Full PDB file with SEQRES, HELIX, SHEET, SSBOND, CRYST1, ORIGX, SCALE, CONECT and MASTER records, all heavy atoms in Angstrom:
SEQRES   1 A   41  ARG ILE ALA HIS LEU LEU CYS GLU PHE ALA VAL ARG SER          
SEQRES   2 A   41  ASP ALA LEU GLY ILE ASN HIS GLY GLY ILE TYR ASN LEU          
SEQRES   3 A   41  PRO MET THR GLN GLU GLN ILE GLY ASP ALA VAL GLY LEU          
SEQRES   4 A   41  THR ALA                                                      
HELIX    1 AA1 ILE A    2  LEU A   16  1                                  15    
HELIX    2 AA2 GLN A   30  VAL A   37  1                                   8    
CRYST1    1.000    1.000    1.000  90.00  90.00  90.00 P 1           1          
ORIGX1      1.000000  0.000000  0.000000        0.00000                         
ORIGX2      0.000000  1.000000  0.000000        0.00000                         
ORIGX3      0.000000  0.000000  1.000000        0.00000                         
SCALE1      1.000000  0.000000  0.000000        0.00000                         
SCALE2      0.000000  1.000000  0.000000        0.00000                         
SCALE3      0.000000  0.000000  1.000000        0.00000                         
ATOM      1  N   ARG A   1     146.209 119.377  94.606  1.00  0.00           N  
ATOM      2  CA  ARG A   1     146.616 119.684  93.230  1.00  0.00           C  
ATOM      3  C   ARG A   1     146.394 118.482  92.310  1.00  0.00           C  
ATOM      4  O   ARG A   1     145.802 118.598  91.230  1.00  0.00           O  
ATOM      5  CB  ARG A   1     148.103 120.060  93.171  1.00  0.00           C  
ATOM      6  CG  ARG A   1     148.448 121.409  93.728  1.00  0.00           C  
ATOM      7  CD  ARG A   1     149.922 121.700  93.478  1.00  0.00           C  
ATOM      8  NE  ARG A   1     150.452 122.583  94.504  1.00  0.00           N  
ATOM      9  CZ  ARG A   1     151.718 122.988  94.540  1.00  0.00           C  
ATOM     10  NH1 ARG A   1     152.571 122.595  93.604  1.00  0.00           N  
ATOM     11  NH2 ARG A   1     152.135 123.786  95.504  1.00  0.00           N  
ATOM     12  N   ILE A   2     146.897 117.330  92.746  1.00  0.00           N  
ATOM     13  CA  ILE A   2     146.784 116.142  91.905  1.00  0.00           C  
ATOM     14  C   ILE A   2     145.339 115.671  91.827  1.00  0.00           C  
ATOM     15  O   ILE A   2     144.854 115.278  90.758  1.00  0.00           O  
ATOM     16  CB  ILE A   2     147.721 115.038  92.418  1.00  0.00           C  
ATOM     17  CG1 ILE A   2     149.170 115.481  92.222  1.00  0.00           C  
ATOM     18  CG2 ILE A   2     147.451 113.717  91.711  1.00  0.00           C  
ATOM     19  CD1 ILE A   2     150.204 114.506  92.757  1.00  0.00           C  
ATOM     20  N   ALA A   3     144.626 115.733  92.943  1.00  0.00           N  
ATOM     21  CA  ALA A   3     143.213 115.349  92.932  1.00  0.00           C  
ATOM     22  C   ALA A   3     142.428 116.233  91.970  1.00  0.00           C  
ATOM     23  O   ALA A   3     141.560 115.757  91.226  1.00  0.00           O  
ATOM     24  CB  ALA A   3     142.630 115.452  94.339  1.00  0.00           C  
ATOM     25  N   HIS A   4     142.749 117.525  91.959  1.00  0.00           N  
ATOM     26  CA  HIS A   4     142.044 118.452  91.073  1.00  0.00           C  
ATOM     27  C   HIS A   4     142.344 118.147  89.608  1.00  0.00           C  
ATOM     28  O   HIS A   4     141.441 118.163  88.756  1.00  0.00           O  
ATOM     29  CB  HIS A   4     142.420 119.892  91.401  1.00  0.00           C  
ATOM     30  CG  HIS A   4     141.453 120.911  90.883  1.00  0.00           C  
ATOM     31  ND1 HIS A   4     141.455 121.332  89.572  1.00  0.00           N  
ATOM     32  CD2 HIS A   4     140.424 121.562  91.494  1.00  0.00           C  
ATOM     33  CE1 HIS A   4     140.483 122.216  89.397  1.00  0.00           C  
ATOM     34  NE2 HIS A   4     139.840 122.374  90.547  1.00  0.00           N  
ATOM     35  N   LEU A   5     143.596 117.882  89.294  1.00  0.00           N  
ATOM     36  CA  LEU A   5     143.964 117.533  87.922  1.00  0.00           C  
ATOM     37  C   LEU A   5     143.220 116.278  87.466  1.00  0.00           C  
ATOM     38  O   LEU A   5     142.713 116.205  86.344  1.00  0.00           O  
ATOM     39  CB  LEU A   5     145.472 117.319  87.831  1.00  0.00           C  
ATOM     40  CG  LEU A   5     146.023 117.009  86.433  1.00  0.00           C  
ATOM     41  CD1 LEU A   5     145.933 118.235  85.524  1.00  0.00           C  
ATOM     42  CD2 LEU A   5     147.472 116.525  86.522  1.00  0.00           C  
ATOM     43  N   LEU A   6     143.124 115.282  88.357  1.00  0.00           N  
ATOM     44  CA  LEU A   6     142.413 114.044  88.020  1.00  0.00           C  
ATOM     45  C   LEU A   6     140.922 114.295  87.831  1.00  0.00           C  
ATOM     46  O   LEU A   6     140.305 113.740  86.919  1.00  0.00           O  
ATOM     47  CB  LEU A   6     142.643 113.001  89.120  1.00  0.00           C  
ATOM     48  CG  LEU A   6     144.068 112.467  89.258  1.00  0.00           C  
ATOM     49  CD1 LEU A   6     144.173 111.548  90.467  1.00  0.00           C  
ATOM     50  CD2 LEU A   6     144.518 111.735  87.999  1.00  0.00           C  
ATOM     51  N   CYS A   7     140.341 115.132  88.675  1.00  0.00           N  
ATOM     52  CA  CYS A   7     138.912 115.462  88.542  1.00  0.00           C  
ATOM     53  C   CYS A   7     138.647 116.141  87.200  1.00  0.00           C  
ATOM     54  O   CYS A   7     137.689 115.801  86.495  1.00  0.00           O  
ATOM     55  CB  CYS A   7     138.461 116.369  89.685  1.00  0.00           C  
ATOM     56  SG  CYS A   7     138.273 115.563  91.289  1.00  0.00           S  
ATOM     57  N   GLU A   8     139.481 117.107  86.856  1.00  0.00           N  
ATOM     58  CA  GLU A   8     139.291 117.810  85.589  1.00  0.00           C  
ATOM     59  C   GLU A   8     139.425 116.850  84.413  1.00  0.00           C  
ATOM     60  O   GLU A   8     138.614 116.878  83.472  1.00  0.00           O  
ATOM     61  CB  GLU A   8     140.300 118.949  85.445  1.00  0.00           C  
ATOM     62  CG  GLU A   8     140.146 119.705  84.124  1.00  0.00           C  
ATOM     63  CD  GLU A   8     141.156 120.824  83.946  1.00  0.00           C  
ATOM     64  OE1 GLU A   8     141.271 121.677  84.848  1.00  0.00           O  
ATOM     65  OE2 GLU A   8     141.830 120.833  82.888  1.00  0.00           O  
ATOM     66  N   PHE A   9     140.432 115.988  84.460  1.00  0.00           N  
ATOM     67  CA  PHE A   9     140.634 115.032  83.379  1.00  0.00           C  
ATOM     68  C   PHE A   9     139.417 114.117  83.232  1.00  0.00           C  
ATOM     69  O   PHE A   9     138.959 113.841  82.118  1.00  0.00           O  
ATOM     70  CB  PHE A   9     141.893 114.201  83.642  1.00  0.00           C  
ATOM     71  CG  PHE A   9     142.153 113.166  82.588  1.00  0.00           C  
ATOM     72  CD1 PHE A   9     142.653 113.531  81.350  1.00  0.00           C  
ATOM     73  CD2 PHE A   9     141.879 111.824  82.830  1.00  0.00           C  
ATOM     74  CE1 PHE A   9     142.884 112.579  80.362  1.00  0.00           C  
ATOM     75  CE2 PHE A   9     142.110 110.874  81.851  1.00  0.00           C  
ATOM     76  CZ  PHE A   9     142.612 111.242  80.620  1.00  0.00           C  
ATOM     77  N   ALA A  10     138.859 113.670  84.356  1.00  0.00           N  
ATOM     78  CA  ALA A  10     137.700 112.774  84.302  1.00  0.00           C  
ATOM     79  C   ALA A  10     136.484 113.470  83.705  1.00  0.00           C  
ATOM     80  O   ALA A  10     135.791 112.914  82.846  1.00  0.00           O  
ATOM     81  CB  ALA A  10     137.374 112.268  85.717  1.00  0.00           C  
ATOM     82  N   VAL A  11     136.210 114.695  84.130  1.00  0.00           N  
ATOM     83  CA  VAL A  11     135.026 115.411  83.647  1.00  0.00           C  
ATOM     84  C   VAL A  11     135.153 115.733  82.161  1.00  0.00           C  
ATOM     85  O   VAL A  11     134.206 115.560  81.390  1.00  0.00           O  
ATOM     86  CB  VAL A  11     134.804 116.693  84.477  1.00  0.00           C  
ATOM     87  CG1 VAL A  11     133.749 117.587  83.827  1.00  0.00           C  
ATOM     88  CG2 VAL A  11     134.367 116.330  85.899  1.00  0.00           C  
ATOM     89  N   ARG A  12     136.328 116.191  81.748  1.00  0.00           N  
ATOM     90  CA  ARG A  12     136.512 116.519  80.331  1.00  0.00           C  
ATOM     91  C   ARG A  12     136.486 115.261  79.465  1.00  0.00           C  
ATOM     92  O   ARG A  12     135.986 115.280  78.333  1.00  0.00           O  
ATOM     93  CB  ARG A  12     137.822 117.277  80.146  1.00  0.00           C  
ATOM     94  CG  ARG A  12     137.795 118.677  80.773  1.00  0.00           C  
ATOM     95  CD  ARG A  12     139.152 119.353  80.750  1.00  0.00           C  
ATOM     96  NE  ARG A  12     139.550 119.714  79.386  1.00  0.00           N  
ATOM     97  CZ  ARG A  12     140.760 120.191  79.086  1.00  0.00           C  
ATOM     98  NH1 ARG A  12     141.679 120.340  80.040  1.00  0.00           N  
ATOM     99  NH2 ARG A  12     141.048 120.509  77.842  1.00  0.00           N  
ATOM    100  N   SER A  13     136.996 114.147  79.985  1.00  0.00           N  
ATOM    101  CA  SER A  13     136.933 112.886  79.244  1.00  0.00           C  
ATOM    102  C   SER A  13     135.504 112.389  79.120  1.00  0.00           C  
ATOM    103  O   SER A  13     135.085 111.911  78.059  1.00  0.00           O  
ATOM    104  CB  SER A  13     137.794 111.822  79.938  1.00  0.00           C  
ATOM    105  OG  SER A  13     139.160 112.174  79.924  1.00  0.00           O  
ATOM    106  N   ASP A  14     134.739 112.506  80.212  1.00  0.00           N  
ATOM    107  CA  ASP A  14     133.336 112.084  80.168  1.00  0.00           C  
ATOM    108  C   ASP A  14     132.550 112.881  79.140  1.00  0.00           C  
ATOM    109  O   ASP A  14     131.652 112.354  78.480  1.00  0.00           O  
ATOM    110  CB  ASP A  14     132.683 112.237  81.551  1.00  0.00           C  
ATOM    111  CG  ASP A  14     133.003 111.073  82.471  1.00  0.00           C  
ATOM    112  OD1 ASP A  14     133.602 110.088  82.001  1.00  0.00           O  
ATOM    113  OD2 ASP A  14     132.650 111.143  83.665  1.00  0.00           O  
ATOM    114  N   ALA A  15     132.872 114.170  79.012  1.00  0.00           N  
ATOM    115  CA  ALA A  15     132.167 115.003  78.043  1.00  0.00           C  
ATOM    116  C   ALA A  15     132.378 114.505  76.618  1.00  0.00           C  
ATOM    117  O   ALA A  15     131.536 114.716  75.739  1.00  0.00           O  
ATOM    118  CB  ALA A  15     132.626 116.454  78.161  1.00  0.00           C  
ATOM    119  N   LEU A  16     133.499 113.806  76.387  1.00  0.00           N  
ATOM    120  CA  LEU A  16     133.791 113.251  75.069  1.00  0.00           C  
ATOM    121  C   LEU A  16     133.429 111.775  74.955  1.00  0.00           C  
ATOM    122  O   LEU A  16     133.537 111.180  73.887  1.00  0.00           O  
ATOM    123  CB  LEU A  16     135.286 113.410  74.755  1.00  0.00           C  
ATOM    124  CG  LEU A  16     135.787 114.841  74.592  1.00  0.00           C  
ATOM    125  CD1 LEU A  16     137.299 114.846  74.420  1.00  0.00           C  
ATOM    126  CD2 LEU A  16     135.122 115.524  73.406  1.00  0.00           C  
ATOM    127  N   GLY A  17     133.015 111.176  76.087  1.00  0.00           N  
ATOM    128  CA  GLY A  17     132.645 109.769  76.070  1.00  0.00           C  
ATOM    129  C   GLY A  17     133.826 108.835  75.903  1.00  0.00           C  
ATOM    130  O   GLY A  17     133.710 107.780  75.273  1.00  0.00           O  
ATOM    131  N   ILE A  18     134.979 109.186  76.470  1.00  0.00           N  
ATOM    132  CA  ILE A  18     136.171 108.357  76.265  1.00  0.00           C  
ATOM    133  C   ILE A  18     136.653 107.685  77.542  1.00  0.00           C  
ATOM    134  O   ILE A  18     137.820 107.330  77.662  1.00  0.00           O  
ATOM    135  CB  ILE A  18     137.317 109.159  75.617  1.00  0.00           C  
ATOM    136  CG1 ILE A  18     137.674 110.424  76.429  1.00  0.00           C  
ATOM    137  CG2 ILE A  18     136.988 109.525  74.197  1.00  0.00           C  
ATOM    138  CD1 ILE A  18     138.895 111.148  75.893  1.00  0.00           C  
ATOM    139  N   ASN A  19     135.780 107.482  78.516  1.00  0.00           N  
ATOM    140  CA  ASN A  19     136.159 106.577  79.600  1.00  0.00           C  
ATOM    141  C   ASN A  19     135.681 105.181  79.216  1.00  0.00           C  
ATOM    142  O   ASN A  19     134.763 105.006  78.432  1.00  0.00           O  
ATOM    143  CB  ASN A  19     135.582 107.050  80.942  1.00  0.00           C  
ATOM    144  CG  ASN A  19     134.098 106.760  81.087  1.00  0.00           C  
ATOM    145  OD1 ASN A  19     133.686 105.622  81.281  1.00  0.00           O  
ATOM    146  ND2 ASN A  19     133.279 107.806  80.981  1.00  0.00           N  
ATOM    147  N   HIS A  20     136.320 104.175  79.748  1.00  0.00           N  
ATOM    148  CA  HIS A  20     136.035 102.793  79.379  1.00  0.00           C  
ATOM    149  C   HIS A  20     135.382 102.101  80.577  1.00  0.00           C  
ATOM    150  O   HIS A  20     136.066 101.486  81.397  1.00  0.00           O  
ATOM    151  CB  HIS A  20     137.314 102.076  78.955  1.00  0.00           C  
ATOM    152  CG  HIS A  20     138.076 102.800  77.883  1.00  0.00           C  
ATOM    153  ND1 HIS A  20     137.864 102.587  76.543  1.00  0.00           N  
ATOM    154  CD2 HIS A  20     139.035 103.757  77.954  1.00  0.00           C  
ATOM    155  CE1 HIS A  20     138.667 103.360  75.837  1.00  0.00           C  
ATOM    156  NE2 HIS A  20     139.381 104.090  76.666  1.00  0.00           N  
ATOM    157  N   GLY A  21     134.065 102.234  80.674  1.00  0.00           N  
ATOM    158  CA  GLY A  21     133.366 101.621  81.799  1.00  0.00           C  
ATOM    159  C   GLY A  21     133.798 102.179  83.129  1.00  0.00           C  
ATOM    160  O   GLY A  21     133.907 101.449  84.121  1.00  0.00           O  
ATOM    161  N   GLY A  22     134.055 103.485  83.162  1.00  0.00           N  
ATOM    162  CA  GLY A  22     134.482 104.122  84.408  1.00  0.00           C  
ATOM    163  C   GLY A  22     135.981 104.075  84.635  1.00  0.00           C  
ATOM    164  O   GLY A  22     136.468 104.567  85.649  1.00  0.00           O  
ATOM    165  N   ILE A  23     136.728 103.479  83.707  1.00  0.00           N  
ATOM    166  CA  ILE A  23     138.191 103.438  83.798  1.00  0.00           C  
ATOM    167  C   ILE A  23     138.759 104.496  82.842  1.00  0.00           C  
ATOM    168  O   ILE A  23     138.429 104.522  81.660  1.00  0.00           O  
ATOM    169  CB  ILE A  23     138.750 102.045  83.420  1.00  0.00           C  
ATOM    170  CG1 ILE A  23     138.172 100.978  84.361  1.00  0.00           C  
ATOM    171  CG2 ILE A  23     140.276 102.043  83.493  1.00  0.00           C  
ATOM    172  CD1 ILE A  23     138.555  99.563  83.970  1.00  0.00           C  
ATOM    173  N   TYR A  24     139.601 105.353  83.379  1.00  0.00           N  
ATOM    174  CA  TYR A  24     140.188 106.433  82.587  1.00  0.00           C  
ATOM    175  C   TYR A  24     141.642 106.098  82.297  1.00  0.00           C  
ATOM    176  O   TYR A  24     142.411 105.775  83.206  1.00  0.00           O  
ATOM    177  CB  TYR A  24     140.096 107.758  83.350  1.00  0.00           C  
ATOM    178  CG  TYR A  24     138.678 108.162  83.661  1.00  0.00           C  
ATOM    179  CD1 TYR A  24     138.032 107.669  84.791  1.00  0.00           C  
ATOM    180  CD2 TYR A  24     137.978 109.018  82.814  1.00  0.00           C  
ATOM    181  CE1 TYR A  24     136.715 108.021  85.066  1.00  0.00           C  
ATOM    182  CE2 TYR A  24     136.674 109.368  83.087  1.00  0.00           C  
ATOM    183  CZ  TYR A  24     136.053 108.874  84.208  1.00  0.00           C  
ATOM    184  OH  TYR A  24     134.754 109.218  84.474  1.00  0.00           O  
ATOM    185  N   ASN A  25     142.005 106.164  81.021  1.00  0.00           N  
ATOM    186  CA  ASN A  25     143.376 105.896  80.631  1.00  0.00           C  
ATOM    187  C   ASN A  25     144.175 107.187  80.722  1.00  0.00           C  
ATOM    188  O   ASN A  25     144.176 108.001  79.792  1.00  0.00           O  
ATOM    189  CB  ASN A  25     143.418 105.326  79.211  1.00  0.00           C  
ATOM    190  CG  ASN A  25     144.816 104.902  78.797  1.00  0.00           C  
ATOM    191  OD1 ASN A  25     145.664 104.635  79.643  1.00  0.00           O  
ATOM    192  ND2 ASN A  25     145.070 104.860  77.508  1.00  0.00           N  
ATOM    193  N   LEU A  26     144.818 107.394  81.832  1.00  0.00           N  
ATOM    194  CA  LEU A  26     145.556 108.634  82.077  1.00  0.00           C  
ATOM    195  C   LEU A  26     146.776 108.673  81.155  1.00  0.00           C  
ATOM    196  O   LEU A  26     147.653 107.806  81.243  1.00  0.00           O  
ATOM    197  CB  LEU A  26     145.990 108.703  83.543  1.00  0.00           C  
ATOM    198  CG  LEU A  26     146.579 110.015  84.032  1.00  0.00           C  
ATOM    199  CD1 LEU A  26     145.545 111.130  83.970  1.00  0.00           C  
ATOM    200  CD2 LEU A  26     147.104 109.868  85.460  1.00  0.00           C  
ATOM    201  N   PRO A  27     146.861 109.663  80.269  1.00  0.00           N  
ATOM    202  CA  PRO A  27     147.926 109.661  79.265  1.00  0.00           C  
ATOM    203  C   PRO A  27     149.245 110.230  79.750  1.00  0.00           C  
ATOM    204  O   PRO A  27     150.198 110.316  78.982  1.00  0.00           O  
ATOM    205  CB  PRO A  27     147.335 110.549  78.162  1.00  0.00           C  
ATOM    206  CG  PRO A  27     146.492 111.539  78.902  1.00  0.00           C  
ATOM    207  CD  PRO A  27     145.911 110.780  80.072  1.00  0.00           C  
ATOM    208  N   MET A  28     149.334 110.627  81.020  1.00  0.00           N  
ATOM    209  CA  MET A  28     150.508 111.339  81.514  1.00  0.00           C  
ATOM    210  C   MET A  28     151.368 110.447  82.397  1.00  0.00           C  
ATOM    211  O   MET A  28     150.869 109.673  83.213  1.00  0.00           O  
ATOM    212  CB  MET A  28     150.076 112.573  82.315  1.00  0.00           C  
ATOM    213  CG  MET A  28     149.167 113.520  81.560  1.00  0.00           C  
ATOM    214  SD  MET A  28     148.525 114.852  82.603  1.00  0.00           S  
ATOM    215  CE  MET A  28     149.979 115.888  82.783  1.00  0.00           C  
ATOM    216  N   THR A  29     152.679 110.586  82.249  1.00  0.00           N  
ATOM    217  CA  THR A  29     153.601 109.949  83.174  1.00  0.00           C  
ATOM    218  C   THR A  29     153.602 110.746  84.488  1.00  0.00           C  
ATOM    219  O   THR A  29     153.099 111.876  84.556  1.00  0.00           O  
ATOM    220  CB  THR A  29     155.027 109.930  82.609  1.00  0.00           C  
ATOM    221  OG1 THR A  29     155.495 111.286  82.483  1.00  0.00           O  
ATOM    222  CG2 THR A  29     155.060 109.244  81.242  1.00  0.00           C  
ATOM    223  N   GLN A  30     154.207 110.158  85.516  1.00  0.00           N  
ATOM    224  CA  GLN A  30     154.292 110.880  86.788  1.00  0.00           C  
ATOM    225  C   GLN A  30     155.160 112.124  86.653  1.00  0.00           C  
ATOM    226  O   GLN A  30     154.888 113.143  87.287  1.00  0.00           O  
ATOM    227  CB  GLN A  30     154.819 109.945  87.876  1.00  0.00           C  
ATOM    228  CG  GLN A  30     153.816 108.850  88.236  1.00  0.00           C  
ATOM    229  CD  GLN A  30     154.276 107.965  89.369  1.00  0.00           C  
ATOM    230  OE1 GLN A  30     155.371 108.122  89.917  1.00  0.00           O  
ATOM    231  NE2 GLN A  30     153.431 107.010  89.740  1.00  0.00           N  
ATOM    232  N   GLU A  31     156.162 112.076  85.798  1.00  0.00           N  
ATOM    233  CA  GLU A  31     156.983 113.271  85.552  1.00  0.00           C  
ATOM    234  C   GLU A  31     156.140 114.365  84.902  1.00  0.00           C  
ATOM    235  O   GLU A  31     156.246 115.547  85.281  1.00  0.00           O  
ATOM    236  CB  GLU A  31     158.163 112.926  84.646  1.00  0.00           C  
ATOM    237  CG  GLU A  31     159.041 114.132  84.329  1.00  0.00           C  
ATOM    238  CD  GLU A  31     160.175 113.806  83.361  1.00  0.00           C  
ATOM    239  OE1 GLU A  31     160.235 112.662  82.878  1.00  0.00           O  
ATOM    240  OE2 GLU A  31     160.998 114.707  83.092  1.00  0.00           O  
ATOM    241  N   GLN A  32     155.301 113.999  83.944  1.00  0.00           N  
ATOM    242  CA  GLN A  32     154.452 114.989  83.274  1.00  0.00           C  
ATOM    243  C   GLN A  32     153.400 115.549  84.228  1.00  0.00           C  
ATOM    244  O   GLN A  32     153.101 116.751  84.191  1.00  0.00           O  
ATOM    245  CB  GLN A  32     153.795 114.354  82.048  1.00  0.00           C  
ATOM    246  CG  GLN A  32     154.783 114.099  80.915  1.00  0.00           C  
ATOM    247  CD  GLN A  32     154.242 113.179  79.848  1.00  0.00           C  
ATOM    248  OE1 GLN A  32     153.314 112.401  80.079  1.00  0.00           O  
ATOM    249  NE2 GLN A  32     154.818 113.242  78.649  1.00  0.00           N  
ATOM    250  N   ILE A  33     152.832 114.694  85.066  1.00  0.00           N  
ATOM    251  CA  ILE A  33     151.899 115.199  86.084  1.00  0.00           C  
ATOM    252  C   ILE A  33     152.620 116.218  86.969  1.00  0.00           C  
ATOM    253  O   ILE A  33     152.094 117.296  87.266  1.00  0.00           O  
ATOM    254  CB  ILE A  33     151.331 114.045  86.935  1.00  0.00           C  
ATOM    255  CG1 ILE A  33     150.417 113.166  86.083  1.00  0.00           C  
ATOM    256  CG2 ILE A  33     150.565 114.592  88.142  1.00  0.00           C  
ATOM    257  CD1 ILE A  33     149.958 111.895  86.790  1.00  0.00           C  
ATOM    258  N   GLY A  34     153.842 115.880  87.372  1.00  0.00           N  
ATOM    259  CA  GLY A  34     154.620 116.796  88.199  1.00  0.00           C  
ATOM    260  C   GLY A  34     154.870 118.129  87.512  1.00  0.00           C  
ATOM    261  O   GLY A  34     154.789 119.188  88.141  1.00  0.00           O  
ATOM    262  N   ASP A  35     155.157 118.079  86.208  1.00  0.00           N  
ATOM    263  CA  ASP A  35     155.390 119.319  85.465  1.00  0.00           C  
ATOM    264  C   ASP A  35     154.113 120.140  85.304  1.00  0.00           C  
ATOM    265  O   ASP A  35     154.180 121.348  85.060  1.00  0.00           O  
ATOM    266  CB  ASP A  35     155.965 119.008  84.078  1.00  0.00           C  
ATOM    267  CG  ASP A  35     157.421 118.565  84.139  1.00  0.00           C  
ATOM    268  OD1 ASP A  35     158.034 118.685  85.214  1.00  0.00           O  
ATOM    269  OD2 ASP A  35     157.937 118.090  83.108  1.00  0.00           O  
ATOM    270  N   ALA A  36     152.953 119.503  85.420  1.00  0.00           N  
ATOM    271  CA  ALA A  36     151.676 120.231  85.339  1.00  0.00           C  
ATOM    272  C   ALA A  36     151.292 120.855  86.667  1.00  0.00           C  
ATOM    273  O   ALA A  36     150.615 121.890  86.700  1.00  0.00           O  
ATOM    274  CB  ALA A  36     150.566 119.302  84.857  1.00  0.00           C  
ATOM    275  N   VAL A  37     151.704 120.233  87.781  1.00  0.00           N  
ATOM    276  CA  VAL A  37     151.259 120.722  89.093  1.00  0.00           C  
ATOM    277  C   VAL A  37     152.420 121.241  89.947  1.00  0.00           C  
ATOM    278  O   VAL A  37     152.234 121.556  91.125  1.00  0.00           O  
ATOM    279  CB  VAL A  37     150.484 119.625  89.868  1.00  0.00           C  
ATOM    280  CG1 VAL A  37     149.207 119.251  89.129  1.00  0.00           C  
ATOM    281  CG2 VAL A  37     151.343 118.388  90.119  1.00  0.00           C  
ATOM    282  N   GLY A  38     153.615 121.343  89.378  1.00  0.00           N  
ATOM    283  CA  GLY A  38     154.736 121.937  90.101  1.00  0.00           C  
ATOM    284  C   GLY A  38     155.314 121.071  91.190  1.00  0.00           C  
ATOM    285  O   GLY A  38     155.730 121.582  92.236  1.00  0.00           O  
ATOM    286  N   LEU A  39     155.378 119.753  90.947  1.00  0.00           N  
ATOM    287  CA  LEU A  39     155.923 118.810  91.924  1.00  0.00           C  
ATOM    288  C   LEU A  39     156.938 117.900  91.243  1.00  0.00           C  
ATOM    289  O   LEU A  39     156.907 117.723  90.025  1.00  0.00           O  
ATOM    290  CB  LEU A  39     154.806 117.951  92.535  1.00  0.00           C  
ATOM    291  CG  LEU A  39     153.692 118.678  93.284  1.00  0.00           C  
ATOM    292  CD1 LEU A  39     152.553 117.708  93.600  1.00  0.00           C  
ATOM    293  CD2 LEU A  39     154.217 119.323  94.568  1.00  0.00           C  
ATOM    294  N   THR A  40     157.823 117.299  92.031  1.00  0.00           N  
ATOM    295  CA  THR A  40     158.743 116.322  91.470  1.00  0.00           C  
ATOM    296  C   THR A  40     158.003 115.017  91.210  1.00  0.00           C  
ATOM    297  O   THR A  40     156.945 114.744  91.789  1.00  0.00           O  
ATOM    298  CB  THR A  40     159.907 116.037  92.431  1.00  0.00           C  
ATOM    299  OG1 THR A  40     159.400 115.404  93.617  1.00  0.00           O  
ATOM    300  CG2 THR A  40     160.637 117.331  92.803  1.00  0.00           C  
ATOM    301  N   ALA A  41     158.569 114.183  90.339  1.00  0.00           N  
ATOM    302  CA  ALA A  41     157.969 112.883  90.057  1.00  0.00           C  
ATOM    303  C   ALA A  41     157.900 112.030  91.319  1.00  0.00           C  
ATOM    304  O   ALA A  41     156.929 111.277  91.526  1.00  0.00           O  
ATOM    305  CB  ALA A  41     158.773 112.163  88.972  1.00  0.00           C  
TER     306      ALA A  41                                                      
MASTER        0    0    0    2    0    0    0    6  305    1    0    4          
END                                                                             
């Protein structure tokens, strides 16, 4: 679940050109990631 969320975020970010030399600034806290994938922080 988490790997898939990260993959999607990377591909959609690349489409906009907003990775920084291959580094992605993940805008979500661990609690928010949990709320997206149905897991606790």
